[in-house]
Protein backbone atom coordinates (compact mmCIF):
# COMPACT_ATOMS: atom_id res chain seq x y z
CA UNK A 1 129.40 104.91 126.71
CA UNK A 2 127.05 105.74 123.84
CA UNK A 3 123.47 106.44 124.92
CA UNK A 4 121.04 104.82 122.48
CA UNK A 5 117.61 106.44 122.33
CA UNK A 6 114.56 104.41 121.31
CA UNK A 7 111.43 106.02 119.93
CA UNK A 8 108.28 104.11 119.07
CA UNK A 9 106.82 105.07 115.70
CA UNK A 10 103.23 103.75 115.91
CA UNK A 11 102.28 101.72 112.86
CA UNK A 12 105.80 102.10 111.43
CA UNK A 13 108.23 100.47 113.85
CA UNK A 14 111.03 101.82 116.02
CA UNK A 15 113.63 104.54 115.69
CA UNK A 16 117.04 104.01 117.33
CA UNK A 17 119.54 106.85 117.36
CA UNK A 18 122.52 108.31 119.22
CA UNK A 19 124.81 111.33 119.16
CA UNK A 20 128.00 110.54 117.28
CA UNK A 21 131.42 111.82 118.22
CA UNK A 22 131.71 114.41 115.46
CA UNK A 23 128.49 116.41 115.92
CA UNK A 24 126.25 114.08 113.95
CA UNK A 25 123.22 112.09 115.04
CA UNK A 26 123.20 108.53 113.68
CA UNK A 27 120.20 106.25 113.66
CA UNK A 28 118.16 103.44 112.19
CA UNK A 29 114.42 103.22 111.66
CA UNK A 30 113.30 99.59 111.80
CA UNK A 31 110.12 99.34 109.71
CA UNK A 32 107.48 96.73 110.46
CA UNK A 33 107.99 95.19 107.01
CA UNK A 34 111.65 94.42 107.84
CA UNK A 35 113.34 97.31 106.03
CA UNK A 36 115.96 99.32 107.86
CA UNK A 37 116.52 102.98 107.11
CA UNK A 38 119.90 104.30 108.25
CA UNK A 39 120.21 108.06 108.61
CA UNK A 40 122.59 110.81 109.64
CA UNK A 41 121.40 114.20 110.84
CA UNK A 42 122.78 117.18 112.69
CA UNK A 43 122.80 116.82 116.46
CA UNK A 44 120.87 120.11 116.80
CA UNK A 45 118.00 118.93 114.55
CA UNK A 46 117.63 115.13 114.57
CA UNK A 47 114.54 115.30 112.34
CA UNK A 48 116.41 117.04 109.51
CA UNK A 49 118.01 114.08 107.78
CA UNK A 50 121.28 114.87 106.01
CA UNK A 51 121.84 111.38 104.53
CA UNK A 52 119.85 108.16 104.49
CA UNK A 53 119.92 104.72 102.93
CA UNK A 54 117.23 102.05 102.98
CA UNK A 55 118.27 98.42 103.39
CA UNK A 56 116.18 95.29 103.02
CA UNK A 57 116.45 92.60 105.70
CA UNK A 58 119.31 90.75 103.97
CA UNK A 59 121.33 93.91 103.40
CA UNK A 60 120.79 94.98 107.01
CA UNK A 61 122.08 91.61 108.24
CA UNK A 62 125.24 91.95 106.13
CA UNK A 63 125.91 95.47 107.44
CA UNK A 64 125.28 94.31 111.03
CA UNK A 65 127.75 91.46 110.54
CA UNK A 66 130.31 93.84 109.06
CA UNK A 67 129.92 96.14 112.07
CA UNK A 68 130.37 93.26 114.50
CA UNK A 69 126.75 92.54 115.44
CA UNK A 70 124.83 94.19 118.24
CA UNK A 71 122.63 93.70 121.25
CA UNK A 72 120.22 96.14 119.61
CA UNK A 73 118.96 93.41 117.29
CA UNK A 74 117.69 91.43 120.28
CA UNK A 75 115.90 94.51 121.60
CA UNK A 76 114.33 95.28 118.22
CA UNK A 77 112.44 92.01 118.21
CA UNK A 78 111.30 92.51 121.78
CA UNK A 79 110.17 96.13 121.53
CA UNK A 80 108.53 96.33 118.08
CA UNK A 81 105.01 97.66 118.41
CA UNK A 82 102.79 95.07 116.76
CA UNK A 83 99.28 95.44 115.52
CA UNK A 84 98.58 92.02 114.08
CA UNK A 85 98.65 92.17 110.28
CA UNK A 86 98.90 95.98 109.98
CA UNK A 87 101.81 97.92 108.52
CA UNK A 88 102.24 101.60 107.76
CA UNK A 89 105.00 103.31 105.83
CA UNK A 90 106.10 106.62 104.34
CA UNK A 91 106.96 106.03 100.69
CA UNK A 92 108.95 108.65 98.76
CA UNK A 93 107.67 109.57 95.31
CA UNK A 94 110.84 109.92 93.26
CA UNK A 95 111.24 112.09 90.17
CA UNK A 96 111.17 109.04 87.87
CA UNK A 97 107.91 107.65 89.26
CA UNK A 98 105.26 107.00 86.61
CA UNK A 99 102.75 108.67 88.98
CA UNK A 100 104.59 111.99 89.44
CA UNK A 101 102.30 114.65 87.99
CA UNK A 102 99.30 112.29 87.89
CA UNK A 103 96.19 111.94 90.02
CA UNK A 104 96.40 109.52 92.95
CA UNK A 105 93.42 107.61 91.52
CA UNK A 106 95.47 106.77 88.41
CA UNK A 107 97.63 104.51 90.58
CA UNK A 108 94.67 102.32 91.62
CA UNK A 109 96.66 101.85 94.83
CA UNK A 110 93.99 100.04 96.86
CA UNK A 111 92.91 97.76 94.01
CA UNK A 112 96.45 96.86 92.95
CA UNK A 113 98.17 96.57 96.36
CA UNK A 114 95.47 96.34 99.03
CA UNK A 115 96.86 99.43 100.79
CA UNK A 116 95.17 102.72 101.53
CA UNK A 117 96.76 106.14 101.18
CA UNK A 118 96.05 107.92 104.47
CA UNK A 119 98.09 111.07 103.81
CA UNK A 120 100.60 112.71 101.53
CA UNK A 121 103.44 114.81 102.93
CA UNK A 122 104.43 117.73 100.70
CA UNK A 123 106.99 120.37 101.61
CA UNK A 124 106.69 119.48 105.31
CA UNK A 125 102.90 119.75 105.33
CA UNK A 126 100.45 116.86 105.65
CA UNK A 127 97.56 116.42 103.25
CA UNK A 128 95.33 113.99 105.16
CA UNK A 129 93.02 111.56 103.32
CA UNK A 130 93.76 112.79 99.78
CA UNK A 131 91.04 111.97 97.25
CA UNK A 132 91.56 110.22 93.91
CA UNK A 133 91.81 113.59 92.15
CA UNK A 134 94.81 114.67 94.28
CA UNK A 135 97.82 115.18 91.96
CA UNK A 136 101.03 113.56 93.19
CA UNK A 137 104.31 115.44 92.73
CA UNK A 138 107.92 114.24 92.73
CA UNK A 139 109.26 114.77 96.23
CA UNK A 140 105.95 113.88 97.92
CA UNK A 141 105.90 111.23 100.61
CA UNK A 142 102.90 108.92 100.36
CA UNK A 143 101.73 107.46 103.68
CA UNK A 144 100.15 104.03 103.18
CA UNK A 145 98.51 101.51 105.50
CA UNK A 146 97.92 97.81 104.78
CA UNK A 147 99.59 94.46 105.22
CA UNK A 148 103.40 94.28 105.16
CA UNK A 149 103.21 92.65 101.71
CA UNK A 150 100.80 95.30 100.49
CA UNK A 151 103.11 98.06 101.67
CA UNK A 152 106.01 96.45 99.77
CA UNK A 153 103.80 96.22 96.64
CA UNK A 154 102.82 99.88 97.07
CA UNK A 155 106.48 100.90 97.21
CA UNK A 156 107.19 98.99 93.99
CA UNK A 157 104.07 100.43 92.33
CA UNK A 158 105.05 104.03 93.13
CA UNK A 159 108.62 103.54 91.95
CA UNK A 160 108.10 101.47 88.79
CA UNK A 161 104.38 101.34 88.04
CA UNK A 162 104.29 97.59 88.69
CA UNK A 163 103.27 96.01 91.98
CA UNK A 164 105.21 92.76 91.40
């Protein structure tokens, strides 16, 4: 019997993972905005992700159907930690982002998406409450808080420069 571990990620959602048969740890992070992030890591270090893929709600449903469905989906809805109207997410800043190498203020994140940047993760270190002069770099992870829709707009803004 596979032992599924559940970990609450306040403001983000839930993490579900288990030890696979071949020395790997397999899991899914269910974000409050509906995205699912599947990941594989080494059993010895479950926080060091070896592979990951992000799925939107529709893609996650297709994969679940292909895998035969699950009782986990019923538990996800019951155990999600809800703060009415608030979502938080960690958004990767990819090499091709129009904001890589530019000041955070250039993004006009709050004005354009309604979200606030509460931290930036760089090389495993947190930079809490970065100011508008903080220069973003490819590989950073931008931590945003706002509505679920605002968080989705922030993700699009960071990746393409457009919030819609």
